[in-house]
Amino acid sequence: METISWQDFAKVELRIGTIIAVDDFPQARKPAYKLQVDFGSDIGVKKSSAQITTLYSKEQLLGRQVLAVVNFPPKQIGPIQSECLVTGFAREDGAIVLVGVDSPVPNGAKLG
């Protein structure tokens, strides 16, 4: 494991946002959803693609707060441009478990 400096970590914008829209993403290579995540008035709504269909239905995701990196450059994924990276952990079977919060916090709140 590589050691990083506090300054390196401080560059990563890990923010909380609320999923406000979830759509199927049939063009994705692996099963995925297209998400729209609201990060509050300073950052706004960002799009993302997430391979989280194994553990989460669209209904379970709507209104859920998730932790995401919001300062990566946009990445083209099929027909959509992903603007943030929603974070999660892979289980042994490969299913992704989302990172979120136990209690609601304001959209756009920064981890730190």
N, C-alpha and C. Protein backbone atom coordinates (compact mmCIF):
# COMPACT_ATOMS: atom_id res chain seq x y z
N MET A 1 0.84 -1.17 0.00
CA MET A 1 0.00 0.00 0.00
C MET A 1 0.89 1.24 0.00
N GLU A 2 0.56 2.17 -0.88
CA GLU A 2 1.32 3.41 -0.97
C GLU A 2 0.83 4.40 0.08
N THR A 3 1.75 5.06 0.73
CA THR A 3 1.41 6.10 1.70
C THR A 3 1.24 7.41 0.96
N ILE A 4 0.19 8.18 1.32
CA ILE A 4 -0.03 9.49 0.73
C ILE A 4 0.07 10.54 1.82
N SER A 5 0.24 11.77 1.40
CA SER A 5 0.31 12.88 2.35
C SER A 5 -1.09 13.40 2.65
N TRP A 6 -1.20 14.15 3.73
CA TRP A 6 -2.48 14.80 4.06
C TRP A 6 -2.90 15.72 2.91
N GLN A 7 -1.94 16.39 2.27
CA GLN A 7 -2.25 17.28 1.15
C GLN A 7 -2.85 16.51 -0.02
N ASP A 8 -2.37 15.28 -0.26
CA ASP A 8 -2.94 14.45 -1.31
C ASP A 8 -4.40 14.12 -1.00
N PHE A 9 -4.66 13.69 0.24
CA PHE A 9 -6.02 13.35 0.63
C PHE A 9 -6.95 14.56 0.56
N ALA A 10 -6.44 15.72 0.95
CA ALA A 10 -7.25 16.94 0.96
C ALA A 10 -7.73 17.33 -0.43
N LYS A 11 -7.05 16.86 -1.47
CA LYS A 11 -7.45 17.17 -2.85
C LYS A 11 -8.71 16.42 -3.27
N VAL A 12 -9.01 15.31 -2.62
CA VAL A 12 -10.17 14.49 -3.00
C VAL A 12 -11.43 15.08 -2.37
N GLU A 13 -12.38 15.44 -3.21
CA GLU A 13 -13.65 16.01 -2.74
C GLU A 13 -14.65 14.88 -2.56
N LEU A 14 -14.70 14.32 -1.35
CA LEU A 14 -15.67 13.29 -1.00
C LEU A 14 -16.87 14.00 -0.39
N ARG A 15 -18.00 13.95 -1.09
CA ARG A 15 -19.19 14.69 -0.68
C ARG A 15 -20.39 13.75 -0.59
N ILE A 16 -21.34 14.14 0.24
CA ILE A 16 -22.59 13.37 0.37
C ILE A 16 -23.62 13.99 -0.58
N GLY A 17 -24.38 13.12 -1.20
CA GLY A 17 -25.45 13.58 -2.09
C GLY A 17 -26.62 12.62 -2.02
N THR A 18 -27.77 13.11 -2.44
CA THR A 18 -28.99 12.31 -2.44
C THR A 18 -29.33 11.89 -3.87
N ILE A 19 -29.58 10.60 -4.05
CA ILE A 19 -29.96 10.09 -5.37
C ILE A 19 -31.38 10.57 -5.66
N ILE A 20 -31.54 11.32 -6.75
CA ILE A 20 -32.84 11.88 -7.10
C ILE A 20 -33.46 11.23 -8.35
N ALA A 21 -32.66 10.47 -9.09
CA ALA A 21 -33.18 9.75 -10.26
C ALA A 21 -32.34 8.51 -10.51
N VAL A 22 -33.02 7.43 -10.87
CA VAL A 22 -32.36 6.15 -11.17
C VAL A 22 -33.00 5.60 -12.44
N ASP A 23 -32.17 5.31 -13.43
CA ASP A 23 -32.66 4.74 -14.69
C ASP A 23 -31.85 3.50 -15.04
N ASP A 24 -32.48 2.58 -15.75
CA ASP A 24 -31.76 1.43 -16.27
C ASP A 24 -30.70 1.92 -17.25
N PHE A 25 -29.64 1.14 -17.40
CA PHE A 25 -28.55 1.50 -18.30
C PHE A 25 -28.23 0.28 -19.17
N PRO A 26 -29.12 -0.04 -20.12
CA PRO A 26 -28.94 -1.26 -20.92
C PRO A 26 -27.69 -1.25 -21.80
N GLN A 27 -27.13 -0.08 -22.10
CA GLN A 27 -25.94 -0.02 -22.95
C GLN A 27 -24.65 -0.34 -22.19
N ALA A 28 -24.70 -0.43 -20.87
CA ALA A 28 -23.51 -0.70 -20.06
C ALA A 28 -23.02 -2.13 -20.31
N ARG A 29 -21.72 -2.33 -20.25
CA ARG A 29 -21.13 -3.67 -20.45
C ARG A 29 -21.55 -4.63 -19.35
N LYS A 30 -21.59 -4.14 -18.11
CA LYS A 30 -22.05 -4.93 -16.96
C LYS A 30 -23.32 -4.25 -16.45
N PRO A 31 -24.24 -5.00 -15.83
CA PRO A 31 -25.48 -4.39 -15.35
C PRO A 31 -25.20 -3.17 -14.47
N ALA A 32 -25.87 -2.07 -14.79
CA ALA A 32 -25.63 -0.81 -14.09
C ALA A 32 -26.89 0.06 -14.14
N TYR A 33 -26.89 1.07 -13.29
CA TYR A 33 -27.92 2.11 -13.31
C TYR A 33 -27.28 3.43 -13.70
N LYS A 34 -28.08 4.31 -14.29
CA LYS A 34 -27.70 5.70 -14.47
C LYS A 34 -28.31 6.46 -13.30
N LEU A 35 -27.47 7.18 -12.57
CA LEU A 35 -27.93 7.91 -11.40
C LEU A 35 -27.80 9.41 -11.61
N GLN A 36 -28.70 10.16 -10.97
CA GLN A 36 -28.54 11.59 -10.82
C GLN A 36 -28.49 11.84 -9.32
N VAL A 37 -27.42 12.52 -8.88
CA VAL A 37 -27.19 12.72 -7.45
C VAL A 37 -27.14 14.22 -7.18
N ASP A 38 -27.95 14.65 -6.20
CA ASP A 38 -28.02 16.07 -5.82
C ASP A 38 -27.01 16.34 -4.71
N PHE A 39 -26.03 17.20 -4.99
CA PHE A 39 -25.00 17.56 -4.02
C PHE A 39 -25.22 18.96 -3.46
N GLY A 40 -26.42 19.49 -3.54
CA GLY A 40 -26.71 20.79 -2.97
C GLY A 40 -26.44 21.93 -3.94
N SER A 41 -26.74 23.14 -3.48
CA SER A 41 -26.70 24.30 -4.37
C SER A 41 -25.30 24.67 -4.85
N ASP A 42 -24.27 24.42 -4.06
CA ASP A 42 -22.91 24.79 -4.49
C ASP A 42 -22.38 23.89 -5.59
N ILE A 43 -22.70 22.61 -5.57
CA ILE A 43 -22.18 21.65 -6.55
C ILE A 43 -23.23 21.30 -7.59
N GLY A 44 -24.48 21.15 -7.17
CA GLY A 44 -25.57 20.84 -8.09
C GLY A 44 -25.78 19.34 -8.26
N VAL A 45 -26.47 18.99 -9.34
CA VAL A 45 -26.79 17.60 -9.65
C VAL A 45 -25.74 17.06 -10.60
N LYS A 46 -25.21 15.87 -10.29
CA LYS A 46 -24.22 15.22 -11.15
C LYS A 46 -24.70 13.84 -11.54
N LYS A 47 -24.30 13.40 -12.74
CA LYS A 47 -24.66 12.08 -13.25
C LYS A 47 -23.56 11.08 -12.95
N SER A 48 -23.97 9.82 -12.80
CA SER A 48 -23.01 8.75 -12.58
C SER A 48 -23.58 7.45 -13.10
N SER A 49 -22.69 6.52 -13.41
CA SER A 49 -23.07 5.15 -13.73
C SER A 49 -22.58 4.29 -12.58
N ALA A 50 -23.43 3.39 -12.11
CA ALA A 50 -23.04 2.57 -10.97
C ALA A 50 -23.47 1.12 -11.17
N GLN A 51 -22.53 0.21 -10.98
CA GLN A 51 -22.80 -1.24 -11.10
C GLN A 51 -23.27 -1.76 -9.75
N ILE A 52 -24.49 -1.39 -9.40
CA ILE A 52 -25.04 -1.72 -8.07
C ILE A 52 -26.39 -2.42 -8.18
N THR A 53 -26.65 -3.04 -9.32
CA THR A 53 -27.96 -3.66 -9.55
C THR A 53 -28.16 -4.95 -8.76
N THR A 54 -27.09 -5.58 -8.30
CA THR A 54 -27.23 -6.85 -7.57
C THR A 54 -27.92 -6.66 -6.23
N LEU A 55 -27.55 -5.63 -5.50
CA LEU A 55 -28.06 -5.44 -4.14
C LEU A 55 -29.16 -4.38 -4.01
N TYR A 56 -29.33 -3.53 -5.03
CA TYR A 56 -30.24 -2.40 -4.89
C TYR A 56 -31.22 -2.32 -6.05
N SER A 57 -32.49 -2.13 -5.72
CA SER A 57 -33.50 -1.84 -6.74
C SER A 57 -33.54 -0.33 -6.94
N LYS A 58 -34.15 0.09 -8.02
CA LYS A 58 -34.28 1.53 -8.27
C LYS A 58 -35.04 2.20 -7.13
N GLU A 59 -36.05 1.53 -6.63
CA GLU A 59 -36.86 2.10 -5.55
C GLU A 59 -36.05 2.26 -4.27
N GLN A 60 -35.16 1.32 -3.99
CA GLN A 60 -34.33 1.40 -2.79
C GLN A 60 -33.31 2.55 -2.88
N LEU A 61 -32.93 2.91 -4.08
CA LEU A 61 -31.91 3.94 -4.27
C LEU A 61 -32.47 5.35 -4.21
N LEU A 62 -33.69 5.55 -4.67
CA LEU A 62 -34.26 6.90 -4.68
C LEU A 62 -34.32 7.46 -3.27
N GLY A 63 -33.75 8.66 -3.10
CA GLY A 63 -33.75 9.31 -1.80
C GLY A 63 -32.62 8.89 -0.88
N ARG A 64 -31.81 7.93 -1.29
CA ARG A 64 -30.70 7.44 -0.47
C ARG A 64 -29.52 8.41 -0.58
N GLN A 65 -28.88 8.68 0.54
CA GLN A 65 -27.67 9.50 0.52
C GLN A 65 -26.45 8.60 0.32
N VAL A 66 -25.55 9.02 -0.56
CA VAL A 66 -24.35 8.26 -0.88
C VAL A 66 -23.13 9.18 -0.84
N LEU A 67 -21.97 8.57 -0.62
CA LEU A 67 -20.71 9.28 -0.62
C LEU A 67 -20.10 9.15 -2.01
N ALA A 68 -19.66 10.27 -2.57
CA ALA A 68 -19.11 10.25 -3.93
C ALA A 68 -17.93 11.21 -4.05
N VAL A 69 -17.03 10.89 -4.98
CA VAL A 69 -15.96 11.80 -5.35
C VAL A 69 -16.52 12.71 -6.44
N VAL A 70 -16.48 14.02 -6.19
CA VAL A 70 -17.10 14.95 -7.13
C VAL A 70 -16.10 15.77 -7.94
N ASN A 71 -14.79 15.56 -7.73
CA ASN A 71 -13.83 16.37 -8.48
C ASN A 71 -12.93 15.57 -9.42
N PHE A 72 -13.38 14.38 -9.84
CA PHE A 72 -12.72 13.70 -10.96
C PHE A 72 -13.16 14.37 -12.25
N PRO A 73 -12.36 14.32 -13.31
CA PRO A 73 -12.83 14.83 -14.59
C PRO A 73 -13.97 13.94 -15.11
N PRO A 74 -14.88 14.50 -15.89
CA PRO A 74 -15.96 13.66 -16.46
C PRO A 74 -15.38 12.50 -17.27
N LYS A 75 -16.09 11.36 -17.23
CA LYS A 75 -15.65 10.17 -17.95
C LYS A 75 -16.81 9.66 -18.80
N GLN A 76 -16.55 9.47 -20.08
CA GLN A 76 -17.57 8.96 -20.99
C GLN A 76 -17.76 7.47 -20.76
N ILE A 77 -18.98 7.06 -20.42
CA ILE A 77 -19.31 5.65 -20.23
C ILE A 77 -20.51 5.37 -21.14
N GLY A 78 -20.22 4.79 -22.29
CA GLY A 78 -21.28 4.58 -23.27
C GLY A 78 -21.89 5.91 -23.66
N PRO A 79 -23.22 6.02 -23.63
CA PRO A 79 -23.86 7.25 -24.06
C PRO A 79 -23.94 8.34 -22.98
N ILE A 80 -23.46 8.08 -21.77
CA ILE A 80 -23.53 9.13 -20.74
C ILE A 80 -22.13 9.56 -20.31
N GLN A 81 -22.06 10.77 -19.80
CA GLN A 81 -20.81 11.28 -19.26
C GLN A 81 -20.94 11.26 -17.74
N SER A 82 -20.17 10.39 -17.10
CA SER A 82 -20.20 10.27 -15.65
C SER A 82 -19.45 11.45 -15.06
N GLU A 83 -20.09 12.13 -14.09
CA GLU A 83 -19.53 13.35 -13.52
C GLU A 83 -19.08 13.18 -12.07
N CYS A 84 -19.34 12.02 -11.49
CA CYS A 84 -18.91 11.75 -10.13
C CYS A 84 -18.75 10.24 -9.96
N LEU A 85 -18.03 9.84 -8.91
CA LEU A 85 -17.83 8.43 -8.63
C LEU A 85 -18.51 8.10 -7.31
N VAL A 86 -19.60 7.35 -7.38
CA VAL A 86 -20.30 6.90 -6.18
C VAL A 86 -19.46 5.79 -5.57
N THR A 87 -19.22 5.85 -4.26
CA THR A 87 -18.30 4.92 -3.61
C THR A 87 -19.01 3.71 -3.01
N GLY A 88 -18.28 2.61 -2.96
CA GLY A 88 -18.80 1.39 -2.37
C GLY A 88 -17.69 0.38 -2.16
N PHE A 89 -18.03 -0.68 -1.46
CA PHE A 89 -17.10 -1.77 -1.20
C PHE A 89 -17.59 -3.03 -1.89
N ALA A 90 -16.67 -3.81 -2.44
CA ALA A 90 -17.03 -5.07 -3.08
C ALA A 90 -17.06 -6.19 -2.03
N ARG A 91 -18.15 -6.95 -2.04
CA ARG A 91 -18.22 -8.15 -1.21
C ARG A 91 -17.42 -9.26 -1.89
N GLU A 92 -17.30 -10.41 -1.22
CA GLU A 92 -16.57 -11.53 -1.80
C GLU A 92 -17.18 -12.01 -3.11
N ASP A 93 -18.51 -11.87 -3.25
CA ASP A 93 -19.18 -12.29 -4.49
C ASP A 93 -19.14 -11.22 -5.58
N GLY A 94 -18.49 -10.08 -5.31
CA GLY A 94 -18.36 -9.01 -6.29
C GLY A 94 -19.45 -7.96 -6.22
N ALA A 95 -20.53 -8.20 -5.48
CA ALA A 95 -21.60 -7.21 -5.34
C ALA A 95 -21.08 -5.99 -4.59
N ILE A 96 -21.53 -4.82 -5.01
CA ILE A 96 -21.08 -3.56 -4.41
C ILE A 96 -22.05 -3.10 -3.34
N VAL A 97 -21.49 -2.77 -2.17
CA VAL A 97 -22.25 -2.22 -1.05
C VAL A 97 -21.91 -0.73 -0.98
N LEU A 98 -22.92 0.13 -1.11
CA LEU A 98 -22.71 1.57 -1.14
C LEU A 98 -22.23 2.12 0.20
N VAL A 99 -21.46 3.22 0.12
CA VAL A 99 -21.05 3.96 1.30
C VAL A 99 -22.04 5.11 1.49
N GLY A 100 -22.55 5.23 2.71
CA GLY A 100 -23.51 6.29 2.99
C GLY A 100 -23.38 6.75 4.42
N VAL A 101 -24.44 7.31 4.95
CA VAL A 101 -24.45 7.83 6.32
C VAL A 101 -25.56 7.17 7.12
N ASP A 102 -25.40 7.15 8.45
CA ASP A 102 -26.41 6.58 9.34
C ASP A 102 -27.58 7.52 9.57
N SER A 103 -27.31 8.83 9.52
CA SER A 103 -28.34 9.85 9.72
C SER A 103 -28.21 10.87 8.61
N PRO A 104 -29.31 11.50 8.21
CA PRO A 104 -29.25 12.49 7.12
C PRO A 104 -28.31 13.65 7.45
N VAL A 105 -27.57 14.07 6.44
CA VAL A 105 -26.71 15.26 6.53
C VAL A 105 -27.02 16.12 5.31
N PRO A 106 -26.64 17.41 5.35
CA PRO A 106 -26.93 18.28 4.20
C PRO A 106 -26.21 17.80 2.94
N ASN A 107 -26.92 17.82 1.82
CA ASN A 107 -26.28 17.49 0.54
C ASN A 107 -25.10 18.42 0.31
N GLY A 108 -24.00 17.82 -0.14
CA GLY A 108 -22.78 18.58 -0.40
C GLY A 108 -21.81 18.59 0.77
N ALA A 109 -22.22 18.06 1.92
CA ALA A 109 -21.32 18.02 3.08
C ALA A 109 -20.07 17.24 2.69
N LYS A 110 -18.90 17.74 3.13
CA LYS A 110 -17.63 17.13 2.78
C LYS A 110 -17.16 16.21 3.89
N LEU A 111 -16.64 15.04 3.48
CA LEU A 111 -16.03 14.13 4.44
C LEU A 111 -14.74 14.78 4.96
N GLY A 112 -14.58 14.73 6.25
CA GLY A 112 -13.34 15.27 6.78
C GLY A 112 -13.44 15.68 8.21
